[in-house]
């Protein structure tokens, strides 16, 4: 079960450097987590200032 980033994302980029497998990338409107790469570690979730990241 991969983590996902909701529409509440403000594109601050705080989550991207926290991902140990580089599954997070910047999209047009928000950041995105690739579910095929995500290892469900949850490192990105606590650094999100708007709580836009959650388990799928």
PDB file of N, CA and C in Angstrom:
ATOM      1  N   UNK A   1       0.848  -1.177   0.000  1.00  0.00           N
ATOM      2  CA  UNK A   1       0.000   0.000   0.000  1.00  0.00           C
ATOM      3  C   UNK A   1       0.897   1.246   0.000  1.00  0.00           C
ATOM      4  N   UNK A   2       0.949   1.937  -1.106  1.00  0.00           N
ATOM      5  CA  UNK A   2       1.790   3.122  -1.239  1.00  0.00           C
ATOM      6  C   UNK A   2       1.147   4.330  -0.575  1.00  0.00           C
ATOM      7  N   UNK A   3       1.967   5.308  -0.276  1.00  0.00           N
ATOM      8  CA  UNK A   3       1.460   6.578   0.232  1.00  0.00           C
ATOM      9  C   UNK A   3       1.003   7.410  -0.961  1.00  0.00           C
ATOM     10  N   UNK A   4       0.075   8.325  -0.720  1.00  0.00           N
ATOM     11  CA  UNK A   4      -0.432   9.208  -1.773  1.00  0.00           C
ATOM     12  C   UNK A   4      -0.412  10.648  -1.280  1.00  0.00           C
ATOM     13  N   UNK A   5      -0.366  11.569  -2.232  1.00  0.00           N
ATOM     14  CA  UNK A   5      -0.409  12.996  -1.930  1.00  0.00           C
ATOM     15  C   UNK A   5      -1.730  13.528  -2.459  1.00  0.00           C
ATOM     16  N   UNK A   6      -2.496  14.154  -1.580  1.00  0.00           N
ATOM     17  CA  UNK A   6      -3.823  14.654  -1.948  1.00  0.00           C
ATOM     18  C   UNK A   6      -3.752  16.004  -2.654  1.00  0.00           C
ATOM     19  N   UNK A   7      -4.908  16.469  -3.074  1.00  0.00           N
ATOM     20  CA  UNK A   7      -5.022  17.769  -3.743  1.00  0.00           C
ATOM     21  C   UNK A   7      -4.664  18.928  -2.809  1.00  0.00           C
ATOM     22  N   UNK A   8      -4.546  18.661  -1.525  1.00  0.00           N
ATOM     23  CA  UNK A   8      -4.207  19.696  -0.547  1.00  0.00           C
ATOM     24  C   UNK A   8      -2.739  20.110  -0.628  1.00  0.00           C
ATOM     25  N   UNK A   9      -1.950  19.372  -1.409  1.00  0.00           N
ATOM     26  CA  UNK A   9      -0.518  19.648  -1.579  1.00  0.00           C
ATOM     27  C   UNK A   9      -0.296  21.085  -2.038  1.00  0.00           C
ATOM     28  N   UNK A  10       0.648  21.768  -1.376  1.00  0.00           N
ATOM     29  CA  UNK A  10       0.967  23.154  -1.738  1.00  0.00           C
ATOM     30  C   UNK A  10       2.282  23.248  -2.526  1.00  0.00           C
ATOM     31  N   UNK A  11       2.806  22.101  -2.961  1.00  0.00           N
ATOM     32  CA  UNK A  11       4.039  22.021  -3.754  1.00  0.00           C
ATOM     33  C   UNK A  11       5.239  22.680  -3.080  1.00  0.00           C
ATOM     34  N   UNK A  12       5.355  22.497  -1.766  1.00  0.00           N
ATOM     35  CA  UNK A  12       6.479  23.096  -1.045  1.00  0.00           C
ATOM     36  C   UNK A  12       7.769  22.304  -1.232  1.00  0.00           C
ATOM     37  N   UNK A  13       7.648  21.001  -1.530  1.00  0.00           N
ATOM     38  CA  UNK A  13       8.817  20.180  -1.773  1.00  0.00           C
ATOM     39  C   UNK A  13       9.465  19.585  -0.534  1.00  0.00           C
ATOM     40  N   UNK A  14       8.871  19.762   0.634  1.00  0.00           N
ATOM     41  CA  UNK A  14       9.465  19.236   1.874  1.00  0.00           C
ATOM     42  C   UNK A  14       9.574  17.715   1.861  1.00  0.00           C
ATOM     43  N   UNK A  15       8.661  17.055   1.189  1.00  0.00           N
ATOM     44  CA  UNK A  15       8.617  15.592   1.188  1.00  0.00           C
ATOM     45  C   UNK A  15       9.672  14.950   0.292  1.00  0.00           C
ATOM     46  N   UNK A  16       9.980  15.584  -0.799  1.00  0.00           N
ATOM     47  CA  UNK A  16      10.855  14.976  -1.813  1.00  0.00           C
ATOM     48  C   UNK A  16      12.205  14.510  -1.269  1.00  0.00           C
ATOM     49  N   UNK A  17      12.949  15.335  -0.526  1.00  0.00           N
ATOM     50  CA  UNK A  17      14.257  14.865  -0.039  1.00  0.00           C
ATOM     51  C   UNK A  17      14.163  13.793   1.059  1.00  0.00           C
ATOM     52  N   UNK A  18      12.998  13.625   1.657  1.00  0.00           N
ATOM     53  CA  UNK A  18      12.833  12.633   2.717  1.00  0.00           C
ATOM     54  C   UNK A  18      12.683  11.212   2.183  1.00  0.00           C
ATOM     55  N   UNK A  19      12.331  11.061   0.910  1.00  0.00           N
ATOM     56  CA  UNK A  19      12.072   9.738   0.348  1.00  0.00           C
ATOM     57  C   UNK A  19      13.386   9.005   0.062  1.00  0.00           C
ATOM     58  N   UNK A  20      13.607   7.849   0.732  1.00  0.00           N
ATOM     59  CA  UNK A  20      14.872   7.130   0.533  1.00  0.00           C
ATOM     60  C   UNK A  20      14.985   6.421  -0.817  1.00  0.00           C
ATOM     61  N   UNK A  21      13.874   6.261  -1.527  1.00  0.00           N
ATOM     62  CA  UNK A  21      13.918   5.568  -2.824  1.00  0.00           C
ATOM     63  C   UNK A  21      13.562   6.485  -3.994  1.00  0.00           C
ATOM     64  N   UNK A  22      13.488   7.781  -3.740  1.00  0.00           N
ATOM     65  CA  UNK A  22      13.201   8.794  -4.761  1.00  0.00           C
ATOM     66  C   UNK A  22      11.903   8.525  -5.523  1.00  0.00           C
ATOM     67  N   UNK A  23      10.849   8.161  -4.773  1.00  0.00           N
ATOM     68  CA  UNK A  23       9.541   7.889  -5.387  1.00  0.00           C
ATOM     69  C   UNK A  23       8.702   9.149  -5.554  1.00  0.00           C
ATOM     70  N   UNK A  24       9.155  10.262  -4.988  1.00  0.00           N
ATOM     71  CA  UNK A  24       8.386  11.511  -5.036  1.00  0.00           C
ATOM     72  C   UNK A  24       8.965  12.436  -6.101  1.00  0.00           C
ATOM     73  N   UNK A  25       8.068  12.957  -6.938  1.00  0.00           N
ATOM     74  CA  UNK A  25       8.500  13.898  -7.970  1.00  0.00           C
ATOM     75  C   UNK A  25       7.484  15.027  -8.085  1.00  0.00           C
ATOM     76  N   UNK A  26       7.931  16.136  -8.631  1.00  0.00           N
ATOM     77  CA  UNK A  26       7.060  17.293  -8.777  1.00  0.00           C
ATOM     78  C   UNK A  26       6.233  17.170 -10.049  1.00  0.00           C
ATOM     79  N   UNK A  27       4.921  17.347  -9.900  1.00  0.00           N
ATOM     80  CA  UNK A  27       4.027  17.337 -11.049  1.00  0.00           C
ATOM     81  C   UNK A  27       3.628  18.751 -11.420  1.00  0.00           C
ATOM     82  N   UNK A  28       2.654  18.892 -12.292  1.00  0.00           N
ATOM     83  CA  UNK A  28       2.214  20.224 -12.713  1.00  0.00           C
ATOM     84  C   UNK A  28       1.579  21.013 -11.575  1.00  0.00           C
ATOM     85  N   UNK A  29       0.669  20.377 -10.844  1.00  0.00           N
ATOM     86  CA  UNK A  29      -0.076  21.071  -9.795  1.00  0.00           C
ATOM     87  C   UNK A  29       0.340  20.693  -8.383  1.00  0.00           C
ATOM     88  N   UNK A  30       0.969  19.532  -8.221  1.00  0.00           N
ATOM     89  CA  UNK A  30       1.342  19.045  -6.901  1.00  0.00           C
ATOM     90  C   UNK A  30       2.425  17.989  -7.041  1.00  0.00           C
ATOM     91  N   UNK A  31       2.975  17.577  -5.912  1.00  0.00           N
ATOM     92  CA  UNK A  31       3.960  16.494  -5.945  1.00  0.00           C
ATOM     93  C   UNK A  31       3.221  15.177  -6.072  1.00  0.00           C
ATOM     94  N   UNK A  32       3.924  14.140  -6.529  1.00  0.00           N
ATOM     95  CA  UNK A  32       3.322  12.840  -6.803  1.00  0.00           C
ATOM     96  C   UNK A  32       4.238  11.741  -6.264  1.00  0.00           C
ATOM     97  N   UNK A  33       3.630  10.685  -5.716  1.00  0.00           N
ATOM     98  CA  UNK A  33       4.393   9.527  -5.254  1.00  0.00           C
ATOM     99  C   UNK A  33       4.130   8.373  -6.213  1.00  0.00           C
ATOM    100  N   UNK A  34       5.189   7.827  -6.799  1.00  0.00           N
ATOM    101  CA  UNK A  34       5.055   6.697  -7.715  1.00  0.00           C
ATOM    102  C   UNK A  34       4.777   5.442  -6.892  1.00  0.00           C
ATOM    103  N   UNK A  35       3.590   4.849  -7.024  1.00  0.00           N
ATOM    104  CA  UNK A  35       3.242   3.681  -6.207  1.00  0.00           C
ATOM    105  C   UNK A  35       4.084   2.443  -6.500  1.00  0.00           C
ATOM    106  N   UNK A  36       4.707   2.400  -7.671  1.00  0.00           N
ATOM    107  CA  UNK A  36       5.551   1.257  -8.016  1.00  0.00           C
ATOM    108  C   UNK A  36       6.928   1.330  -7.353  1.00  0.00           C
ATOM    109  N   UNK A  37       7.305   2.530  -6.914  1.00  0.00           N
ATOM    110  CA  UNK A  37       8.608   2.728  -6.287  1.00  0.00           C
ATOM    111  C   UNK A  37       8.482   2.858  -4.762  1.00  0.00           C
ATOM    112  N   UNK A  38       7.401   3.433  -4.286  1.00  0.00           N
ATOM    113  CA  UNK A  38       7.176   3.673  -2.852  1.00  0.00           C
ATOM    114  C   UNK A  38       7.304   2.374  -2.054  1.00  0.00           C
ATOM    115  N   UNK A  39       8.069   2.438  -0.954  1.00  0.00           N
ATOM    116  CA  UNK A  39       8.267   1.255  -0.099  1.00  0.00           C
ATOM    117  C   UNK A  39       7.461   1.350   1.198  1.00  0.00           C
ATOM    118  N   UNK A  40       6.535   2.273   1.265  1.00  0.00           N
ATOM    119  CA  UNK A  40       5.641   2.428   2.421  1.00  0.00           C
ATOM    120  C   UNK A  40       6.372   2.720   3.727  1.00  0.00           C
ATOM    121  N   UNK A  41       7.464   3.442   3.668  1.00  0.00           N
ATOM    122  CA  UNK A  41       8.224   3.721   4.888  1.00  0.00           C
ATOM    123  C   UNK A  41       7.598   4.841   5.712  1.00  0.00           C
ATOM    124  N   UNK A  42       6.857   5.747   5.055  1.00  0.00           N
ATOM    125  CA  UNK A  42       6.191   6.827   5.766  1.00  0.00           C
ATOM    126  C   UNK A  42       7.070   8.005   6.131  1.00  0.00           C
ATOM    127  N   UNK A  43       8.295   8.056   5.644  1.00  0.00           N
ATOM    128  CA  UNK A  43       9.208   9.148   5.985  1.00  0.00           C
ATOM    129  C   UNK A  43       8.689  10.506   5.514  1.00  0.00           C
ATOM    130  N   UNK A  44       7.911  10.510   4.459  1.00  0.00           N
ATOM    131  CA  UNK A  44       7.413  11.762   3.890  1.00  0.00           C
ATOM    132  C   UNK A  44       6.236  12.348   4.676  1.00  0.00           C
ATOM    133  N   UNK A  45       5.441  11.507   5.268  1.00  0.00           N
ATOM    134  CA  UNK A  45       4.196  11.949   5.913  1.00  0.00           C
ATOM    135  C   UNK A  45       4.391  12.999   7.015  1.00  0.00           C
ATOM    136  N   UNK A  46       5.301  12.806   7.976  1.00  0.00           N
ATOM    137  CA  UNK A  46       5.409  13.778   9.064  1.00  0.00           C
ATOM    138  C   UNK A  46       5.991  15.141   8.671  1.00  0.00           C
ATOM    139  N   UNK A  47       6.664  15.241   7.525  1.00  0.00           N
ATOM    140  CA  UNK A  47       7.260  16.524   7.139  1.00  0.00           C
ATOM    141  C   UNK A  47       6.308  17.411   6.336  1.00  0.00           C
ATOM    142  N   UNK A  48       5.168  16.886   5.934  1.00  0.00           N
ATOM    143  CA  UNK A  48       4.227  17.672   5.142  1.00  0.00           C
ATOM    144  C   UNK A  48       3.528  18.699   6.035  1.00  0.00           C
ATOM    145  N   UNK A  49       3.690  19.999   5.723  1.00  0.00           N
ATOM    146  CA  UNK A  49       3.108  21.037   6.577  1.00  0.00           C
ATOM    147  C   UNK A  49       1.584  21.150   6.493  1.00  0.00           C
ATOM    148  N   UNK A  50       0.983  20.567   5.458  1.00  0.00           N
ATOM    149  CA  UNK A  50      -0.479  20.660   5.307  1.00  0.00           C
ATOM    150  C   UNK A  50      -1.151  19.296   5.428  1.00  0.00           C
ATOM    151  N   UNK A  51      -0.403  18.288   5.879  1.00  0.00           N
ATOM    152  CA  UNK A  51      -0.921  16.936   6.080  1.00  0.00           C
ATOM    153  C   UNK A  51      -1.602  16.378   4.827  1.00  0.00           C
ATOM    154  N   UNK A  52      -0.954  16.563   3.678  1.00  0.00           N
ATOM    155  CA  UNK A  52      -1.509  16.109   2.391  1.00  0.00           C
ATOM    156  C   UNK A  52      -1.064  14.696   2.032  1.00  0.00           C
ATOM    157  N   UNK A  53      -0.226  14.073   2.863  1.00  0.00           N
ATOM    158  CA  UNK A  53       0.283  12.736   2.560  1.00  0.00           C
ATOM    159  C   UNK A  53      -0.315  11.719   3.521  1.00  0.00           C
ATOM    160  N   UNK A  54      -0.806  10.618   2.943  1.00  0.00           N
ATOM    161  CA  UNK A  54      -1.415   9.567   3.770  1.00  0.00           C
ATOM    162  C   UNK A  54      -1.260   8.221   3.070  1.00  0.00           C
ATOM    163  N   UNK A  55      -1.428   7.126   3.840  1.00  0.00           N
ATOM    164  CA  UNK A  55      -1.409   5.814   3.194  1.00  0.00           C
ATOM    165  C   UNK A  55      -2.590   5.702   2.234  1.00  0.00           C
ATOM    166  N   UNK A  56      -2.395   5.005   1.153  1.00  0.00           N
ATOM    167  CA  UNK A  56      -3.442   4.876   0.136  1.00  0.00           C
ATOM    168  C   UNK A  56      -4.669   4.164   0.680  1.00  0.00           C
TER     169      UNK A  56
END
